[in-house]
Amino acid sequence: MSSRAGSGPGSRPVPTGPVPPGPVRGELAALVERGVSWAAYHARIPASSPPGRPAAVLVLFGVLDSLPAHHRGGAVPTDLDVLLVGRASTLTHHSGQVAFPGGRVDPGDAGPVAAAIREAVEETGLDSDGVEVLGTLGELPVPVSDHLVTPVLAWWATPSPVDVVDVGESAAVFRAPVADLLDPDLRRTATLRRGGRVYRTPAFLVGPHVVWGFTAIVMNELFDGLGWTEPWDVARTIDVAGSGPR
C-alpha cells in the first residue's frame, strides 16, 4: 500500500481538488528556467561514459495530504512531499533501490516528458491529469544501466491515490516528506564497495528506506539549487551493499 514513509501501512485521505502551491511552485519553475549545472553529478561519472539509451524520470513534488486544501498562505518547502518507488529486488538494474518513477523512452513516446508520465502511471497508478509538468533538467548519464536520463520536474496540482501496480517492477510506492529529506539527522553519505573501489553518494533515510545512488544525487543537487539544503555531516556514512528497506 502507498503511504507517507514512516507513517505505517494503509491508504491516506487525498485532497479532492487543487492545493494552493504558495511560493514553492514558483521556486521549482524558476529552477527549470535557470537550469541545474549538475557539476557534482558529472564529477562522479567517468569522463569516458558512453551516451546511453534515452530514459526519463518524473520528479513530482506535491503538498502533504495532512495539510488542508485551504492551507493558509500556501505551501512552503517543508510542507511538500516527493513521489518515490522502491524497485523490485528481481530487476536487473538498480534492484531494491528507491527511485523516482520512470524508465526508458519508448519509440512511441513523444519525448522524455511523455515517457516519464507514462512510466509513472504504469508504476504507481498516478492520474496524470493532476500533474503539471514544469520542464526538463538536462540529461544525465547512468553508466551502470547504460541510460541517459532526463529528470522531468513537475508539480502535483491535484494529488491522486498511488500504489504498487506491478510487483514485478516495484515493491513499494510512497510519498517522502521533504521535511525528512532535508533533516540533517536523516542524511548520510552512502558507501558501496565494488570491484576494489569505494563509491560514495549522498543518502537520505526515509522511514524504512534508504535513498542513495542516482536518485539521491539528483535530489541533493535539486535541494542545493533551490537553496533548501540544511548543513549536514557528510562524515556520517551508511553501507548500502545489498541495500533495501531497513
C-alpha atoms as a PDB file:
ATOM      1  CA  MET A   1       0.000   0.000   0.000  1.00  0.00           C
ATOM      2  CA  SER A   2       1.136   3.530  -0.564  1.00  0.00           C
ATOM      3  CA  SER A   3       1.771   5.719   2.444  1.00  0.00           C
ATOM      4  CA  ARG A   4       3.851   8.501   3.770  1.00  0.00           C
ATOM      5  CA  ALA A   5       7.192   6.894   4.520  1.00  0.00           C
ATOM      6  CA  GLY A   6       7.424   6.024   8.171  1.00  0.00           C
ATOM      7  CA  SER A   7       3.738   6.563   8.888  1.00  0.00           C
ATOM      8  CA  GLY A   8       2.716   2.914   8.630  1.00  0.00           C
ATOM      9  CA  PRO A   9       0.756   0.975   6.041  1.00  0.00           C
ATOM     10  CA  GLY A  10      -2.625   1.872   4.695  1.00  0.00           C
ATOM     11  CA  SER A  11      -4.175   4.463   2.447  1.00  0.00           C
ATOM     12  CA  ARG A  12      -4.428   8.124   3.390  1.00  0.00           C
ATOM     13  CA  PRO A  13      -7.047  10.719   2.564  1.00  0.00           C
ATOM     14  CA  VAL A  14      -6.222  12.504  -0.672  1.00  0.00           C
ATOM     15  CA  PRO A  15      -7.320  16.095  -1.364  1.00  0.00           C
ATOM     16  CA  THR A  16     -10.207  16.184  -3.828  1.00  0.00           C
ATOM     17  CA  GLY A  17      -9.202  19.444  -5.510  1.00  0.00           C
ATOM     18  CA  PRO A  18      -6.184  21.555  -6.406  1.00  0.00           C
ATOM     19  CA  VAL A  19      -3.923  22.514  -3.499  1.00  0.00           C
ATOM     20  CA  PRO A  20      -2.630  26.114  -3.306  1.00  0.00           C
ATOM     21  CA  PRO A  21       1.101  25.906  -4.094  1.00  0.00           C
ATOM     22  CA  GLY A  22       2.243  29.041  -2.285  1.00  0.00           C
ATOM     23  CA  PRO A  23       5.736  30.166  -3.281  1.00  0.00           C
ATOM     24  CA  VAL A  24       7.270  26.735  -3.779  1.00  0.00           C
ATOM     25  CA  ARG A  25       5.804  26.014  -7.195  1.00  0.00           C
ATOM     26  CA  GLY A  26       7.361  29.266  -8.360  1.00  0.00           C
ATOM     27  CA  GLU A  27      10.710  28.223  -6.891  1.00  0.00           C
ATOM     28  CA  LEU A  28      10.555  24.931  -8.775  1.00  0.00           C
ATOM     29  CA  ALA A  29       9.594  26.666 -12.023  1.00  0.00           C
ATOM     30  CA  ALA A  30      12.421  29.171 -11.567  1.00  0.00           C
ATOM     31  CA  LEU A  31      14.884  26.306 -11.160  1.00  0.00           C
ATOM     32  CA  VAL A  32      13.820  24.960 -14.549  1.00  0.00           C
ATOM     33  CA  GLU A  33      14.317  28.407 -16.082  1.00  0.00           C
ATOM     34  CA  ARG A  34      17.841  28.892 -14.758  1.00  0.00           C
ATOM     35  CA  GLY A  35      18.823  25.233 -15.079  1.00  0.00           C
ATOM     36  CA  VAL A  36      20.937  22.951 -12.926  1.00  0.00           C
ATOM     37  CA  SER A  37      24.683  22.692 -13.538  1.00  0.00           C
ATOM     38  CA  TRP A  38      24.914  19.082 -12.308  1.00  0.00           C
ATOM     39  CA  ALA A  39      28.608  19.747 -11.632  1.00  0.00           C
ATOM     40  CA  ALA A  40      28.674  17.460  -8.594  1.00  0.00           C
ATOM     41  CA  TYR A  41      26.876  14.753 -10.570  1.00  0.00           C
ATOM     42  CA  HIS A  42      29.269  14.836 -13.518  1.00  0.00           C
ATOM     43  CA  ALA A  43      32.235  14.820 -11.132  1.00  0.00           C
ATOM     44  CA  ARG A  44      31.125  11.330 -10.028  1.00  0.00           C
ATOM     45  CA  ILE A  45      30.711   9.930 -13.559  1.00  0.00           C
ATOM     46  CA  PRO A  46      33.731   8.742 -15.594  1.00  0.00           C
ATOM     47  CA  ALA A  47      34.503  11.113 -18.474  1.00  0.00           C
ATOM     48  CA  SER A  48      34.573   8.151 -20.867  1.00  0.00           C
ATOM     49  CA  SER A  49      31.000   7.108 -20.065  1.00  0.00           C
ATOM     50  CA  PRO A  50      29.025   6.294 -23.259  1.00  0.00           C
ATOM     51  CA  PRO A  51      25.881   8.329 -24.035  1.00  0.00           C
ATOM     52  CA  GLY A  52      23.466   5.513 -23.170  1.00  0.00           C
ATOM     53  CA  ARG A  53      19.858   4.835 -24.144  1.00  0.00           C
ATOM     54  CA  PRO A  54      17.309   7.646 -23.596  1.00  0.00           C
ATOM     55  CA  ALA A  55      15.305   7.405 -20.367  1.00  0.00           C
ATOM     56  CA  ALA A  56      13.345   9.787 -18.147  1.00  0.00           C
ATOM     57  CA  VAL A  57      12.223  10.067 -14.525  1.00  0.00           C
ATOM     58  CA  LEU A  58       9.383  12.076 -13.004  1.00  0.00           C
ATOM     59  CA  VAL A  59      10.455  14.271 -10.084  1.00  0.00           C
ATOM     60  CA  LEU A  60       6.986  15.027  -8.738  1.00  0.00           C
ATOM     61  CA  PHE A  61       6.549  17.404  -5.808  1.00  0.00           C
ATOM     62  CA  GLY A  62       3.186  17.838  -4.089  1.00  0.00           C
ATOM     63  CA  VAL A  63       1.731  19.098  -0.829  1.00  0.00           C
ATOM     64  CA  LEU A  64       1.457  16.696   2.115  1.00  0.00           C
ATOM     65  CA  ASP A  65      -2.010  15.162   2.392  1.00  0.00           C
ATOM     66  CA  SER A  66      -2.085  16.086   6.075  1.00  0.00           C
ATOM     67  CA  LEU A  67      -2.458  19.755   5.143  1.00  0.00           C
ATOM     68  CA  PRO A  68      -5.943  21.125   4.476  1.00  0.00           C
ATOM     69  CA  ALA A  69      -6.642  22.110   0.888  1.00  0.00           C
ATOM     70  CA  HIS A  70      -7.111  25.719   2.034  1.00  0.00           C
ATOM     71  CA  HIS A  71      -3.744  25.757   3.861  1.00  0.00           C
ATOM     72  CA  ARG A  72      -3.366  29.436   4.704  1.00  0.00           C
ATOM     73  CA  GLY A  73      -0.536  31.201   2.922  1.00  0.00           C
ATOM     74  CA  GLY A  74       0.184  28.286   0.601  1.00  0.00           C
ATOM     75  CA  ALA A  75       2.869  25.655   0.932  1.00  0.00           C
ATOM     76  CA  VAL A  76       6.497  26.083   1.959  1.00  0.00           C
ATOM     77  CA  PRO A  77       9.285  23.553   1.196  1.00  0.00           C
ATOM     78  CA  THR A  78       8.784  21.536   4.389  1.00  0.00           C
ATOM     79  CA  ASP A  79       5.070  21.162   3.542  1.00  0.00           C
ATOM     80  CA  LEU A  80       5.933  19.131   0.451  1.00  0.00           C
ATOM     81  CA  ASP A  81       6.498  15.516  -0.420  1.00  0.00           C
ATOM     82  CA  VAL A  82       8.004  13.804  -3.464  1.00  0.00           C
ATOM     83  CA  LEU A  83       6.802  10.614  -5.135  1.00  0.00           C
ATOM     84  CA  LEU A  84       9.205   7.652  -4.956  1.00  0.00           C
ATOM     85  CA  VAL A  85       9.128   3.944  -5.744  1.00  0.00           C
ATOM     86  CA  GLY A  86      11.001   1.033  -4.213  1.00  0.00           C
ATOM     87  CA  ARG A  87      12.243  -1.068  -7.115  1.00  0.00           C
ATOM     88  CA  ALA A  88      11.643  -4.816  -7.045  1.00  0.00           C
ATOM     89  CA  SER A  89      14.570  -6.938  -5.902  1.00  0.00           C
ATOM     90  CA  THR A  90      14.237  -9.099  -9.034  1.00  0.00           C
ATOM     91  CA  LEU A  91      15.111  -6.327 -11.508  1.00  0.00           C
ATOM     92  CA  THR A  92      18.386  -6.465 -13.426  1.00  0.00           C
ATOM     93  CA  HIS A  93      19.486  -2.892 -12.739  1.00  0.00           C
ATOM     94  CA  HIS A  94      19.154  -0.877  -9.502  1.00  0.00           C
ATOM     95  CA  SER A  95      17.237  -3.736  -7.865  1.00  0.00           C
ATOM     96  CA  GLY A  96      15.898  -2.959  -4.404  1.00  0.00           C
ATOM     97  CA  GLN A  97      16.799   0.713  -4.677  1.00  0.00           C
ATOM     98  CA  VAL A  98      14.497   3.674  -4.132  1.00  0.00           C
ATOM     99  CA  ALA A  99      13.975   5.711  -7.289  1.00  0.00           C
ATOM    100  CA  PHE A 100      11.870   8.328  -8.982  1.00  0.00           C
ATOM    101  CA  PRO A 101       9.214   6.702 -11.166  1.00  0.00           C
ATOM    102  CA  GLY A 102      10.431   6.466 -14.737  1.00  0.00           C
ATOM    103  CA  GLY A 103      12.092   4.340 -17.360  1.00  0.00           C
ATOM    104  CA  ARG A 104      13.247   4.075 -20.933  1.00  0.00           C
ATOM    105  CA  VAL A 105      11.904   6.382 -23.656  1.00  0.00           C
ATOM    106  CA  ASP A 106       9.955   4.088 -25.990  1.00  0.00           C
ATOM    107  CA  PRO A 107       9.658   4.655 -29.760  1.00  0.00           C
ATOM    108  CA  GLY A 108       6.002   5.610 -29.323  1.00  0.00           C
ATOM    109  CA  ASP A 109       6.754   8.312 -26.743  1.00  0.00           C
ATOM    110  CA  ALA A 110       6.733  11.948 -27.870  1.00  0.00           C
ATOM    111  CA  GLY A 111       9.896  12.558 -25.842  1.00  0.00           C
ATOM    112  CA  PRO A 112      11.206  12.339 -22.273  1.00  0.00           C
ATOM    113  CA  VAL A 113       8.231  14.158 -20.725  1.00  0.00           C
ATOM    114  CA  ALA A 114       5.759  11.710 -22.250  1.00  0.00           C
ATOM    115  CA  ALA A 115       7.951   8.783 -21.216  1.00  0.00           C
ATOM    116  CA  ALA A 116       8.257   9.975 -17.612  1.00  0.00           C
ATOM    117  CA  ILE A 117       4.495  10.456 -17.295  1.00  0.00           C
ATOM    118  CA  ARG A 118       3.709   7.120 -18.951  1.00  0.00           C
ATOM    119  CA  GLU A 119       6.129   5.225 -16.719  1.00  0.00           C
ATOM    120  CA  ALA A 120       4.827   6.954 -13.575  1.00  0.00           C
ATOM    121  CA  VAL A 121       1.259   5.994 -14.463  1.00  0.00           C
ATOM    122  CA  GLU A 122       2.312   2.399 -15.172  1.00  0.00           C
ATOM    123  CA  GLU A 123       4.310   2.100 -11.940  1.00  0.00           C
ATOM    124  CA  THR A 124       2.104   3.972  -9.462  1.00  0.00           C
ATOM    125  CA  GLY A 125      -1.397   4.318 -10.924  1.00  0.00           C
ATOM    126  CA  LEU A 126      -0.950   8.089 -10.885  1.00  0.00           C
ATOM    127  CA  ASP A 127      -3.698  10.200 -12.510  1.00  0.00           C
ATOM    128  CA  SER A 128      -1.656  12.240 -14.977  1.00  0.00           C
ATOM    129  CA  ASP A 129      -4.408  14.868 -15.311  1.00  0.00           C
ATOM    130  CA  GLY A 130      -3.389  16.187 -11.889  1.00  0.00           C
ATOM    131  CA  VAL A 131       0.272  16.655 -12.857  1.00  0.00           C
ATOM    132  CA  GLU A 132       1.645  19.981 -14.089  1.00  0.00           C
ATOM    133  CA  VAL A 133       4.957  19.500 -15.891  1.00  0.00           C
ATOM    134  CA  LEU A 134       7.311  22.403 -15.176  1.00  0.00           C
ATOM    135  CA  GLY A 135      10.107  21.335 -17.514  1.00  0.00           C
ATOM    136  CA  THR A 136      13.160  19.148 -18.007  1.00  0.00           C
ATOM    137  CA  LEU A 137      16.536  19.436 -16.286  1.00  0.00           C
ATOM    138  CA  GLY A 138      19.076  18.233 -18.836  1.00  0.00           C
ATOM    139  CA  GLU A 139      20.393  14.729 -19.475  1.00  0.00           C
ATOM    140  CA  LEU A 140      22.417  12.647 -17.017  1.00  0.00           C
ATOM    141  CA  PRO A 141      24.422   9.531 -17.934  1.00  0.00           C
ATOM    142  CA  VAL A 142      23.917   6.425 -15.790  1.00  0.00           C
ATOM    143  CA  PRO A 143      26.697   4.069 -16.949  1.00  0.00           C
ATOM    144  CA  VAL A 144      25.721   1.125 -14.724  1.00  0.00           C
ATOM    145  CA  SER A 145      22.462   0.667 -16.677  1.00  0.00           C
ATOM    146  CA  ASP A 146      23.639   2.320 -19.925  1.00  0.00           C
ATOM    147  CA  HIS A 147      20.998   5.064 -19.868  1.00  0.00           C
ATOM    148  CA  LEU A 148      20.956   8.797 -20.500  1.00  0.00           C
ATOM    149  CA  VAL A 149      18.300  10.025 -18.075  1.00  0.00           C
ATOM    150  CA  THR A 150      16.258  13.231 -18.318  1.00  0.00           C
ATOM    151  CA  PRO A 151      14.761  14.385 -14.985  1.00  0.00           C
ATOM    152  CA  VAL A 152      11.288  15.874 -15.567  1.00  0.00           C
ATOM    153  CA  LEU A 153      10.328  18.298 -12.799  1.00  0.00           C
ATOM    154  CA  ALA A 154       6.602  18.505 -12.070  1.00  0.00           C
ATOM    155  CA  TRP A 155       4.056  19.899  -9.616  1.00  0.00           C
ATOM    156  CA  TRP A 156       1.279  17.644  -8.273  1.00  0.00           C
ATOM    157  CA  ALA A 157      -1.526  20.158  -8.608  1.00  0.00           C
ATOM    158  CA  THR A 158      -4.280  17.641  -7.856  1.00  0.00           C
ATOM    159  CA  PRO A 159      -2.938  14.590  -5.970  1.00  0.00           C
ATOM    160  CA  SER A 160      -4.416  11.170  -6.652  1.00  0.00           C
ATOM    161  CA  PRO A 161      -4.065   7.805  -4.904  1.00  0.00           C
ATOM    162  CA  VAL A 162      -0.924   5.864  -5.813  1.00  0.00           C
ATOM    163  CA  ASP A 163       0.128   2.288  -5.113  1.00  0.00           C
ATOM    164  CA  VAL A 164       2.177  -0.585  -6.490  1.00  0.00           C
ATOM    165  CA  VAL A 165       0.769  -1.583  -9.880  1.00  0.00           C
ATOM    166  CA  ASP A 166       3.181  -4.342 -10.950  1.00  0.00           C
ATOM    167  CA  VAL A 167       5.003  -6.259  -8.200  1.00  0.00           C
ATOM    168  CA  GLY A 168       7.498  -7.380 -10.827  1.00  0.00           C
ATOM    169  CA  GLU A 169       8.699  -3.778 -11.102  1.00  0.00           C
ATOM    170  CA  SER A 170       8.002  -2.139  -7.745  1.00  0.00           C
ATOM    171  CA  ALA A 171       7.982  -3.311  -4.146  1.00  0.00           C
ATOM    172  CA  ALA A 172       6.701  -0.013  -2.729  1.00  0.00           C
ATOM    173  CA  VAL A 173       5.229   3.322  -3.785  1.00  0.00           C
ATOM    174  CA  PHE A 174       5.343   6.175  -1.293  1.00  0.00           C
ATOM    175  CA  ARG A 175       5.426   9.939  -0.883  1.00  0.00           C
ATOM    176  CA  ALA A 176       8.531  11.018   1.019  1.00  0.00           C
ATOM    177  CA  PRO A 177       8.134  14.172   3.129  1.00  0.00           C
ATOM    178  CA  VAL A 178      10.608  16.851   2.056  1.00  0.00           C
ATOM    179  CA  ALA A 179      10.968  17.821   5.729  1.00  0.00           C
ATOM    180  CA  ASP A 180      12.501  14.378   6.346  1.00  0.00           C
ATOM    181  CA  LEU A 181      14.722  14.624   3.274  1.00  0.00           C
ATOM    182  CA  LEU A 182      16.070  17.985   4.477  1.00  0.00           C
ATOM    183  CA  ASP A 183      16.538  16.872   8.102  1.00  0.00           C
ATOM    184  CA  PRO A 184      20.312  16.836   8.812  1.00  0.00           C
ATOM    185  CA  ASP A 185      19.821  13.974  11.298  1.00  0.00           C
ATOM    186  CA  LEU A 186      18.451  11.789   8.488  1.00  0.00           C
ATOM    187  CA  ARG A 187      21.217  12.466   5.991  1.00  0.00           C
ATOM    188  CA  ARG A 188      24.218  10.233   5.357  1.00  0.00           C
ATOM    189  CA  THR A 189      26.957   9.544   2.839  1.00  0.00           C
ATOM    190  CA  ALA A 190      26.288   6.160   1.239  1.00  0.00           C
ATOM    191  CA  THR A 191      29.281   3.893   0.630  1.00  0.00           C
ATOM    192  CA  LEU A 192      29.376   0.921  -1.712  1.00  0.00           C
ATOM    193  CA  ARG A 193      32.419  -1.295  -2.220  1.00  0.00           C
ATOM    194  CA  ARG A 194      32.515  -2.879  -5.645  1.00  0.00           C
ATOM    195  CA  GLY A 195      35.369  -4.159  -7.800  1.00  0.00           C
ATOM    196  CA  GLY A 196      38.017  -2.947  -5.385  1.00  0.00           C
ATOM    197  CA  ARG A 197      36.648   0.597  -5.394  1.00  0.00           C
ATOM    198  CA  VAL A 198      34.546   2.534  -2.896  1.00  0.00           C
ATOM    199  CA  TYR A 199      31.698   4.580  -4.365  1.00  0.00           C
ATOM    200  CA  ARG A 200      30.102   7.403  -2.385  1.00  0.00           C
ATOM    201  CA  THR A 201      26.849   9.270  -2.911  1.00  0.00           C
ATOM    202  CA  PRO A 202      24.528  11.338  -0.739  1.00  0.00           C
ATOM    203  CA  ALA A 203      21.904   9.304   1.108  1.00  0.00           C
ATOM    204  CA  PHE A 204      18.582  10.065   2.774  1.00  0.00           C
ATOM    205  CA  LEU A 205      16.911   7.954   5.483  1.00  0.00           C
ATOM    206  CA  VAL A 206      13.150   7.972   4.940  1.00  0.00           C
ATOM    207  CA  GLY A 207      11.238   5.653   7.248  1.00  0.00           C
ATOM    208  CA  PRO A 208      12.432   2.115   6.447  1.00  0.00           C
ATOM    209  CA  HIS A 209      14.018   3.229   3.172  1.00  0.00           C
ATOM    210  CA  VAL A 210      17.498   4.438   2.220  1.00  0.00           C
ATOM    211  CA  VAL A 211      17.581   6.719  -0.819  1.00  0.00           C
ATOM    212  CA  TRP A 212      21.024   6.683  -2.425  1.00  0.00           C
ATOM    213  CA  GLY A 213      22.756   6.485  -5.810  1.00  0.00           C
ATOM    214  CA  PHE A 214      21.363   8.321  -8.832  1.00  0.00           C
ATOM    215  CA  THR A 215      18.130   9.368  -7.117  1.00  0.00           C
ATOM    216  CA  ALA A 216      19.919  10.774  -4.064  1.00  0.00           C
ATOM    217  CA  ILE A 217      22.479  12.648  -6.176  1.00  0.00           C
ATOM    218  CA  VAL A 218      19.697  14.270  -8.207  1.00  0.00           C
ATOM    219  CA  MET A 219      17.725  15.107  -5.076  1.00  0.00           C
ATOM    220  CA  ASN A 220      20.798  16.558  -3.376  1.00  0.00           C
ATOM    221  CA  GLU A 221      21.603  18.838  -6.319  1.00  0.00           C
ATOM    222  CA  LEU A 222      17.983  19.948  -6.657  1.00  0.00           C
ATOM    223  CA  PHE A 223      17.822  20.904  -2.989  1.00  0.00           C
ATOM    224  CA  ASP A 224      21.141  22.750  -3.319  1.00  0.00           C
ATOM    225  CA  GLY A 225      19.917  24.569  -6.425  1.00  0.00           C
ATOM    226  CA  LEU A 226      16.678  25.534  -4.686  1.00  0.00           C
ATOM    227  CA  GLY A 227      18.532  26.786  -1.613  1.00  0.00           C
ATOM    228  CA  TRP A 228      16.643  24.349   0.616  1.00  0.00           C
ATOM    229  CA  THR A 229      19.593  22.291   1.891  1.00  0.00           C
ATOM    230  CA  GLU A 230      20.420  22.464   5.597  1.00  0.00           C
ATOM    231  CA  PRO A 231      24.018  21.835   6.742  1.00  0.00           C
ATOM    232  CA  TRP A 232      24.617  18.133   7.373  1.00  0.00           C
ATOM    233  CA  ASP A 233      27.528  15.931   8.374  1.00  0.00           C
ATOM    234  CA  VAL A 234      28.968  14.238   5.262  1.00  0.00           C
ATOM    235  CA  ALA A 235      31.248  12.170   7.522  1.00  0.00           C
ATOM    236  CA  ARG A 236      28.266  10.123   8.757  1.00  0.00           C
ATOM    237  CA  THR A 237      28.189   7.096   6.470  1.00  0.00           C
ATOM    238  CA  ILE A 238      25.945   4.156   5.725  1.00  0.00           C
ATOM    239  CA  ASP A 239      26.984   0.980   3.887  1.00  0.00           C
ATOM    240  CA  VAL A 240      24.415   0.326   1.165  1.00  0.00           C
ATOM    241  CA  ALA A 241      25.698  -3.039  -0.071  1.00  0.00           C
ATOM    242  CA  GLY A 242      22.570  -5.096  -0.735  1.00  0.00           C
ATOM    243  CA  SER A 243      20.523  -2.107   0.377  1.00  0.00           C
ATOM    244  CA  GLY A 244      16.774  -2.481   0.646  1.00  0.00           C
ATOM    245  CA  PRO A 245      14.264  -1.429   3.305  1.00  0.00           C
ATOM    246  CA  ARG A 246      15.945  -1.259   6.706  1.00  0.00           C
END
